[in-house]
Amino acid sequence: AIKRFQVRNMCDASSQRDLRDASVYSTFTMPKLYNKMIYCVSCAIHARVVRVRNKKLRASPEGRIYVRPTFGKGGGKGN
């Protein structure tokens, strides 16, 4: 199984700003969502959480270093 721990804000930045402006408390911090995602191998590959590697790369120590893919977040061709 593949395990990923995901920490997200409860609402987006514009809603946070509106709530902060409307709040009575000056030091109010928005709570966060903490999720532990557990995927089976086939679902993790389908959801692009992990990538398929060939047998030689899996066996080598360099293949064990995982770099999370950045889909559409800059740094690649066409962005």
PDB file of N, CA and C in Angstrom:
ATOM      1  N   ALA A   1       0.837  -1.185   0.000  1.00  0.00           N
ATOM      2  CA  ALA A   1       0.000   0.000   0.000  1.00  0.00           C
ATOM      3  C   ALA A   1       0.880   1.247   0.000  1.00  0.00           C
ATOM      4  N   ILE A   2       0.362   2.292  -0.571  1.00  0.00           N
ATOM      5  CA  ILE A   2       1.066   3.576  -0.632  1.00  0.00           C
ATOM      6  C   ILE A   2       0.343   4.529   0.306  1.00  0.00           C
ATOM      7  N   LYS A   3       1.097   5.163   1.199  1.00  0.00           N
ATOM      8  CA  LYS A   3       0.508   6.063   2.186  1.00  0.00           C
ATOM      9  C   LYS A   3       1.005   7.478   1.947  1.00  0.00           C
ATOM     10  N   ARG A   4       0.083   8.409   1.953  1.00  0.00           N
ATOM     11  CA  ARG A   4       0.420   9.831   1.811  1.00  0.00           C
ATOM     12  C   ARG A   4      -0.341  10.605   2.870  1.00  0.00           C
ATOM     13  N   PHE A   5       0.337  11.552   3.502  1.00  0.00           N
ATOM     14  CA  PHE A   5      -0.294  12.399   4.509  1.00  0.00           C
ATOM     15  C   PHE A   5      -0.548  13.744   3.870  1.00  0.00           C
ATOM     16  N   GLN A   6      -1.810  14.180   3.890  1.00  0.00           N
ATOM     17  CA  GLN A   6      -2.208  15.393   3.184  1.00  0.00           C
ATOM     18  C   GLN A   6      -2.713  16.416   4.200  1.00  0.00           C
ATOM     19  N   VAL A   7      -2.140  17.623   4.163  1.00  0.00           N
ATOM     20  CA  VAL A   7      -2.569  18.715   5.032  1.00  0.00           C
ATOM     21  C   VAL A   7      -3.049  19.845   4.129  1.00  0.00           C
ATOM     22  N   ARG A   8      -4.326  20.221   4.308  1.00  0.00           N
ATOM     23  CA  ARG A   8      -4.908  21.284   3.479  1.00  0.00           C
ATOM     24  C   ARG A   8      -5.614  22.294   4.354  1.00  0.00           C
ATOM     25  N   ASN A   9      -5.774  23.504   3.826  1.00  0.00           N
ATOM     26  CA  ASN A   9      -6.577  24.502   4.524  1.00  0.00           C
ATOM     27  C   ASN A   9      -8.048  24.132   4.393  1.00  0.00           C
ATOM     28  N   MET A  10      -8.850  24.531   5.371  1.00  0.00           N
ATOM     29  CA  MET A  10     -10.259  24.183   5.352  1.00  0.00           C
ATOM     30  C   MET A  10     -11.010  24.952   4.265  1.00  0.00           C
ATOM     31  N   CYS A  11     -10.572  26.156   3.952  1.00  0.00           N
ATOM     32  CA  CYS A  11     -11.203  26.922   2.871  1.00  0.00           C
ATOM     33  C   CYS A  11     -10.112  27.689   2.118  1.00  0.00           C
ATOM     34  N   ASP A  12     -10.477  28.234   0.965  1.00  0.00           N
ATOM     35  CA  ASP A  12      -9.483  28.890   0.120  1.00  0.00           C
ATOM     36  C   ASP A  12      -9.091  30.259   0.690  1.00  0.00           C
ATOM     37  N   ALA A  13      -8.131  30.912   0.039  1.00  0.00           N
ATOM     38  CA  ALA A  13      -7.525  32.133   0.574  1.00  0.00           C
ATOM     39  C   ALA A  13      -8.520  33.289   0.651  1.00  0.00           C
ATOM     40  N   SER A  14      -9.380  33.441  -0.353  1.00  0.00           N
ATOM     41  CA  SER A  14     -10.322  34.567  -0.335  1.00  0.00           C
ATOM     42  C   SER A  14     -11.361  34.384   0.770  1.00  0.00           C
ATOM     43  N   SER A  15     -11.817  33.155   0.983  1.00  0.00           N
ATOM     44  CA  SER A  15     -12.770  32.899   2.070  1.00  0.00           C
ATOM     45  C   SER A  15     -12.106  33.086   3.424  1.00  0.00           C
ATOM     46  N   GLN A  16     -10.851  32.707   3.535  1.00  0.00           N
ATOM     47  CA  GLN A  16     -10.120  32.925   4.793  1.00  0.00           C
ATOM     48  C   GLN A  16     -10.024  34.412   5.111  1.00  0.00           C
ATOM     49  N   ARG A  17      -9.760  35.212   4.098  1.00  0.00           N
ATOM     50  CA  ARG A  17      -9.657  36.657   4.317  1.00  0.00           C
ATOM     51  C   ARG A  17     -11.007  37.222   4.763  1.00  0.00           C
ATOM     52  N   ASP A  18     -12.104  36.784   4.140  1.00  0.00           N
ATOM     53  CA  ASP A  18     -13.431  37.254   4.532  1.00  0.00           C
ATOM     54  C   ASP A  18     -13.756  36.853   5.969  1.00  0.00           C
ATOM     55  N   LEU A  19     -13.433  35.612   6.335  1.00  0.00           N
ATOM     56  CA  LEU A  19     -13.694  35.154   7.698  1.00  0.00           C
ATOM     57  C   LEU A  19     -12.835  35.895   8.716  1.00  0.00           C
ATOM     58  N   ARG A  20     -11.594  36.183   8.343  1.00  0.00           N
ATOM     59  CA  ARG A  20     -10.699  36.914   9.244  1.00  0.00           C
ATOM     60  C   ARG A  20     -11.210  38.338   9.459  1.00  0.00           C
ATOM     61  N   ASP A  21     -11.728  38.984   8.401  1.00  0.00           N
ATOM     62  CA  ASP A  21     -12.252  40.340   8.527  1.00  0.00           C
ATOM     63  C   ASP A  21     -13.537  40.374   9.356  1.00  0.00           C
ATOM     64  N   ALA A  22     -14.374  39.346   9.238  1.00  0.00           N
ATOM     65  CA  ALA A  22     -15.652  39.315   9.946  1.00  0.00           C
ATOM     66  C   ALA A  22     -15.529  38.761  11.364  1.00  0.00           C
ATOM     67  N   SER A  23     -14.369  38.229  11.718  1.00  0.00           N
ATOM     68  CA  SER A  23     -14.209  37.580  13.014  1.00  0.00           C
ATOM     69  C   SER A  23     -14.069  38.606  14.136  1.00  0.00           C
ATOM     70  N   VAL A  24     -14.589  38.260  15.293  1.00  0.00           N
ATOM     71  CA  VAL A  24     -14.479  39.116  16.466  1.00  0.00           C
ATOM     72  C   VAL A  24     -13.086  38.985  17.082  1.00  0.00           C
ATOM     73  N   TYR A  25     -12.510  37.781  16.994  1.00  0.00           N
ATOM     74  CA  TYR A  25     -11.210  37.511  17.599  1.00  0.00           C
ATOM     75  C   TYR A  25     -10.089  37.952  16.663  1.00  0.00           C
ATOM     76  N   SER A  26      -9.100  38.611  17.211  1.00  0.00           N
ATOM     77  CA  SER A  26      -8.000  39.111  16.377  1.00  0.00           C
ATOM     78  C   SER A  26      -6.964  38.031  16.084  1.00  0.00           C
ATOM     79  N   THR A  27      -6.853  37.025  16.942  1.00  0.00           N
ATOM     80  CA  THR A  27      -5.826  36.001  16.755  1.00  0.00           C
ATOM     81  C   THR A  27      -6.415  34.655  16.345  1.00  0.00           C
ATOM     82  N   PHE A  28      -7.536  34.669  15.645  1.00  0.00           N
ATOM     83  CA  PHE A  28      -8.182  33.423  15.233  1.00  0.00           C
ATOM     84  C   PHE A  28      -7.423  32.799  14.062  1.00  0.00           C
ATOM     85  N   THR A  29      -7.098  31.531  14.187  1.00  0.00           N
ATOM     86  CA  THR A  29      -6.449  30.812  13.088  1.00  0.00           C
ATOM     87  C   THR A  29      -7.400  29.736  12.577  1.00  0.00           C
ATOM     88  N   MET A  30      -7.492  29.632  11.278  1.00  0.00           N
ATOM     89  CA  MET A  30      -8.381  28.641  10.672  1.00  0.00           C
ATOM     90  C   MET A  30      -7.815  27.246  10.878  1.00  0.00           C
ATOM     91  N   PRO A  31      -8.653  26.300  11.230  1.00  0.00           N
ATOM     92  CA  PRO A  31      -8.164  24.918  11.365  1.00  0.00           C
ATOM     93  C   PRO A  31      -7.837  24.323  10.005  1.00  0.00           C
ATOM     94  N   LYS A  32      -7.041  23.275  10.020  1.00  0.00           N
ATOM     95  CA  LYS A  32      -6.643  22.610   8.788  1.00  0.00           C
ATOM     96  C   LYS A  32      -7.239  21.216   8.743  1.00  0.00           C
ATOM     97  N   LEU A  33      -7.294  20.665   7.552  1.00  0.00           N
ATOM     98  CA  LEU A  33      -7.757  19.295   7.362  1.00  0.00           C
ATOM     99  C   LEU A  33      -6.542  18.391   7.257  1.00  0.00           C
ATOM    100  N   TYR A  34      -6.510  17.345   8.040  1.00  0.00           N
ATOM    101  CA  TYR A  34      -5.418  16.384   8.032  1.00  0.00           C
ATOM    102  C   TYR A  34      -5.973  15.043   7.552  1.00  0.00           C
ATOM    103  N   ASN A  35      -5.508  14.570   6.412  1.00  0.00           N
ATOM    104  CA  ASN A  35      -5.974  13.308   5.848  1.00  0.00           C
ATOM    105  C   ASN A  35      -4.791  12.377   5.636  1.00  0.00           C
ATOM    106  N   LYS A  36      -4.957  11.134   6.030  1.00  0.00           N
ATOM    107  CA  LYS A  36      -3.970  10.119   5.694  1.00  0.00           C
ATOM    108  C   LYS A  36      -4.576   9.295   4.571  1.00  0.00           C
ATOM    109  N   MET A  37      -4.013   9.425   3.387  1.00  0.00           N
ATOM    110  CA  MET A  37      -4.523   8.740   2.207  1.00  0.00           C
ATOM    111  C   MET A  37      -3.779   7.423   2.049  1.00  0.00           C
ATOM    112  N   ILE A  38      -4.519   6.333   1.933  1.00  0.00           N
ATOM    113  CA  ILE A  38      -3.930   5.017   1.733  1.00  0.00           C
ATOM    114  C   ILE A  38      -4.471   4.465   0.424  1.00  0.00           C
ATOM    115  N   TYR A  39      -3.575   4.184  -0.521  1.00  0.00           N
ATOM    116  CA  TYR A  39      -3.941   3.691  -1.843  1.00  0.00           C
ATOM    117  C   TYR A  39      -3.407   2.279  -2.033  1.00  0.00           C
ATOM    118  N   CYS A  40      -4.141   1.453  -2.777  1.00  0.00           N
ATOM    119  CA  CYS A  40      -3.531   0.218  -3.259  1.00  0.00           C
ATOM    120  C   CYS A  40      -2.620   0.612  -4.427  1.00  0.00           C
ATOM    121  N   VAL A  41      -1.760  -0.279  -4.858  1.00  0.00           N
ATOM    122  CA  VAL A  41      -0.751   0.063  -5.856  1.00  0.00           C
ATOM    123  C   VAL A  41      -1.401   0.472  -7.175  1.00  0.00           C
ATOM    124  N   SER A  42      -2.387  -0.288  -7.624  1.00  0.00           N
ATOM    125  CA  SER A  42      -3.007   0.023  -8.914  1.00  0.00           C
ATOM    126  C   SER A  42      -3.750   1.352  -8.874  1.00  0.00           C
ATOM    127  N   CYS A  43      -4.420   1.660  -7.772  1.00  0.00           N
ATOM    128  CA  CYS A  43      -5.120   2.942  -7.657  1.00  0.00           C
ATOM    129  C   CYS A  43      -4.147   4.111  -7.563  1.00  0.00           C
ATOM    130  N   ALA A  44      -3.014   3.911  -6.890  1.00  0.00           N
ATOM    131  CA  ALA A  44      -2.010   4.977  -6.783  1.00  0.00           C
ATOM    132  C   ALA A  44      -1.396   5.282  -8.142  1.00  0.00           C
ATOM    133  N   ILE A  45      -1.183   4.252  -8.951  1.00  0.00           N
ATOM    134  CA  ILE A  45      -0.648   4.478 -10.292  1.00  0.00           C
ATOM    135  C   ILE A  45      -1.694   5.178 -11.157  1.00  0.00           C
ATOM    136  N   HIS A  46      -2.945   4.762 -11.050  1.00  0.00           N
ATOM    137  CA  HIS A  46      -4.011   5.374 -11.848  1.00  0.00           C
ATOM    138  C   HIS A  46      -4.237   6.834 -11.476  1.00  0.00           C
ATOM    139  N   ALA A  47      -4.132   7.149 -10.181  1.00  0.00           N
ATOM    140  CA  ALA A  47      -4.335   8.523  -9.722  1.00  0.00           C
ATOM    141  C   ALA A  47      -3.064   9.360  -9.815  1.00  0.00           C
ATOM    142  N   ARG A  48      -2.002   8.796 -10.362  1.00  0.00           N
ATOM    143  CA  ARG A  48      -0.713   9.470 -10.544  1.00  0.00           C
ATOM    144  C   ARG A  48      -0.087   9.895  -9.228  1.00  0.00           C
ATOM    145  N   VAL A  49      -0.322   9.143  -8.171  1.00  0.00           N
ATOM    146  CA  VAL A  49       0.343   9.396  -6.900  1.00  0.00           C
ATOM    147  C   VAL A  49       1.775   8.881  -6.983  1.00  0.00           C
ATOM    148  N   VAL A  50       1.972   7.733  -7.626  1.00  0.00           N
ATOM    149  CA  VAL A  50       3.292   7.179  -7.887  1.00  0.00           C
ATOM    150  C   VAL A  50       3.393   6.866  -9.368  1.00  0.00           C
ATOM    151  N   ARG A  51       4.592   6.639  -9.824  1.00  0.00           N
ATOM    152  CA  ARG A  51       4.817   6.313 -11.233  1.00  0.00           C
ATOM    153  C   ARG A  51       5.334   4.898 -11.368  1.00  0.00           C
ATOM    154  N   VAL A  52       5.118   4.324 -12.532  1.00  0.00           N
ATOM    155  CA  VAL A  52       5.631   2.994 -12.838  1.00  0.00           C
ATOM    156  C   VAL A  52       7.112   3.131 -13.169  1.00  0.00           C
ATOM    157  N   ARG A  53       7.930   2.216 -12.611  1.00  0.00           N
ATOM    158  CA  ARG A  53       9.361   2.217 -12.900  1.00  0.00           C
ATOM    159  C   ARG A  53       9.747   0.843 -13.419  1.00  0.00           C
ATOM    160  N   ASN A  54      10.743   0.792 -14.295  1.00  0.00           N
ATOM    161  CA  ASN A  54      11.165  -0.499 -14.816  1.00  0.00           C
ATOM    162  C   ASN A  54      11.960  -1.269 -13.765  1.00  0.00           C
ATOM    163  N   LYS A  55      12.206  -2.547 -14.027  1.00  0.00           N
ATOM    164  CA  LYS A  55      12.787  -3.438 -13.027  1.00  0.00           C
ATOM    165  C   LYS A  55      14.197  -3.006 -12.620  1.00  0.00           C
ATOM    166  N   LYS A  56      14.990  -2.538 -13.585  1.00  0.00           N
ATOM    167  CA  LYS A  56      16.358  -2.129 -13.286  1.00  0.00           C
ATOM    168  C   LYS A  56      16.374  -0.882 -12.385  1.00  0.00           C
ATOM    169  N   LEU A  57      15.488   0.053 -12.659  1.00  0.00           N
ATOM    170  CA  LEU A  57      15.423   1.275 -11.857  1.00  0.00           C
ATOM    171  C   LEU A  57      14.892   0.993 -10.453  1.00  0.00           C
ATOM    172  N   ARG A  58      13.965   0.054 -10.318  1.00  0.00           N
ATOM    173  CA  ARG A  58      13.449  -0.310  -8.998  1.00  0.00           C
ATOM    174  C   ARG A  58      14.524  -0.943  -8.129  1.00  0.00           C
ATOM    175  N   ALA A  59      15.424  -1.716  -8.739  1.00  0.00           N
ATOM    176  CA  ALA A  59      16.453  -2.420  -7.986  1.00  0.00           C
ATOM    177  C   ALA A  59      17.600  -1.501  -7.571  1.00  0.00           C
ATOM    178  N   SER A  60      17.843  -0.439  -8.317  1.00  0.00           N
ATOM    179  CA  SER A  60      18.976   0.436  -8.015  1.00  0.00           C
ATOM    180  C   SER A  60      18.628   1.397  -6.877  1.00  0.00           C
ATOM    181  N   PRO A  61      19.629   1.849  -6.109  1.00  0.00           N
ATOM    182  CA  PRO A  61      19.360   2.813  -5.029  1.00  0.00           C
ATOM    183  C   PRO A  61      18.830   4.144  -5.548  1.00  0.00           C
ATOM    184  N   GLU A  62      19.206   4.541  -6.776  1.00  0.00           N
ATOM    185  CA  GLU A  62      18.713   5.798  -7.336  1.00  0.00           C
ATOM    186  C   GLU A  62      17.222   5.718  -7.612  1.00  0.00           C
ATOM    187  N   GLY A  63      16.717   4.512  -7.886  1.00  0.00           N
ATOM    188  CA  GLY A  63      15.301   4.347  -8.179  1.00  0.00           C
ATOM    189  C   GLY A  63      14.420   4.459  -6.960  1.00  0.00           C
ATOM    190  N   ARG A  64      14.997   4.374  -5.770  1.00  0.00           N
ATOM    191  CA  ARG A  64      14.199   4.462  -4.553  1.00  0.00           C
ATOM    192  C   ARG A  64      13.924   5.905  -4.149  1.00  0.00           C
ATOM    193  N   ILE A  65      14.647   6.845  -4.736  1.00  0.00           N
ATOM    194  CA  ILE A  65      14.414   8.257  -4.442  1.00  0.00           C
ATOM    195  C   ILE A  65      13.222   8.695  -5.279  1.00  0.00           C
ATOM    196  N   TYR A  66      12.170   9.159  -4.599  1.00  0.00           N
ATOM    197  CA  TYR A  66      10.942   9.518  -5.297  1.00  0.00           C
ATOM    198  C   TYR A  66      10.842  11.024  -5.432  1.00  0.00           C
ATOM    199  N   VAL A  67      10.586  11.478  -6.635  1.00  0.00           N
ATOM    200  CA  VAL A  67      10.352  12.891  -6.899  1.00  0.00           C
ATOM    201  C   VAL A  67       8.901  13.020  -7.316  1.00  0.00           C
ATOM    202  N   ARG A  68       8.130  13.782  -6.549  1.00  0.00           N
ATOM    203  CA  ARG A  68       6.705  13.936  -6.842  1.00  0.00           C
ATOM    204  C   ARG A  68       6.529  14.728  -8.132  1.00  0.00           C
ATOM    205  N   PRO A  69       5.745  14.212  -9.072  1.00  0.00           N
ATOM    206  CA  PRO A  69       5.551  14.937 -10.328  1.00  0.00           C
ATOM    207  C   PRO A  69       4.736  16.206 -10.105  1.00  0.00           C
ATOM    208  N   THR A  70       5.103  17.257 -10.830  1.00  0.00           N
ATOM    209  CA  THR A  70       4.373  18.518 -10.751  1.00  0.00           C
ATOM    210  C   THR A  70       3.611  18.677 -12.055  1.00  0.00           C
ATOM    211  N   PHE A  71       2.337  18.375 -12.031  1.00  0.00           N
ATOM    212  CA  PHE A  71       1.512  18.463 -13.227  1.00  0.00           C
ATOM    213  C   PHE A  71       0.967  19.872 -13.368  1.00  0.00           C
ATOM    214  N   GLY A  72       1.453  20.589 -14.397  1.00  0.00           N
ATOM    215  CA  GLY A  72       0.933  21.917 -14.686  1.00  0.00           C
ATOM    216  C   GLY A  72       1.347  22.983 -13.697  1.00  0.00           C
ATOM    217  N   LYS A  73       2.400  22.805 -12.949  1.00  0.00           N
ATOM    218  CA  LYS A  73       2.825  23.805 -11.976  1.00  0.00           C
ATOM    219  C   LYS A  73       4.120  24.488 -12.399  1.00  0.00           C
ATOM    220  N   GLY A  74       4.352  24.555 -13.681  1.00  0.00           N
ATOM    221  CA  GLY A  74       5.516  25.261 -14.153  1.00  0.00           C
ATOM    222  C   GLY A  74       6.749  24.378 -14.228  1.00  0.00           C
ATOM    223  N   GLY A  75       7.769  24.880 -14.884  1.00  0.00           N
ATOM    224  CA  GLY A  75       9.025  24.170 -14.931  1.00  0.00           C
ATOM    225  C   GLY A  75       9.168  23.201 -16.086  1.00  0.00           C
ATOM    226  N   GLY A  76       8.122  22.982 -16.841  1.00  0.00           N
ATOM    227  CA  GLY A  76       8.196  22.034 -17.947  1.00  0.00           C
ATOM    228  C   GLY A  76       7.946  22.710 -19.280  1.00  0.00           C
ATOM    229  N   LYS A  77       7.901  21.888 -20.314  1.00  0.00           N
ATOM    230  CA  LYS A  77       7.628  22.454 -21.637  1.00  0.00           C
ATOM    231  C   LYS A  77       6.172  22.898 -21.731  1.00  0.00           C
ATOM    232  N   GLY A  78       5.932  23.981 -22.421  1.00  0.00           N
ATOM    233  CA  GLY A  78       4.584  24.455 -22.643  1.00  0.00           C
ATOM    234  C   GLY A  78       3.984  25.251 -21.498  1.00  0.00           C
ATOM    235  N   ASN A  79       4.770  25.568 -20.492  1.00  0.00           N
ATOM    236  CA  ASN A  79       4.222  26.346 -19.365  1.00  0.00           C
ATOM    237  C   ASN A  79       4.791  27.736 -19.356  1.00  0.00           C
TER     238      ASN A  79
END
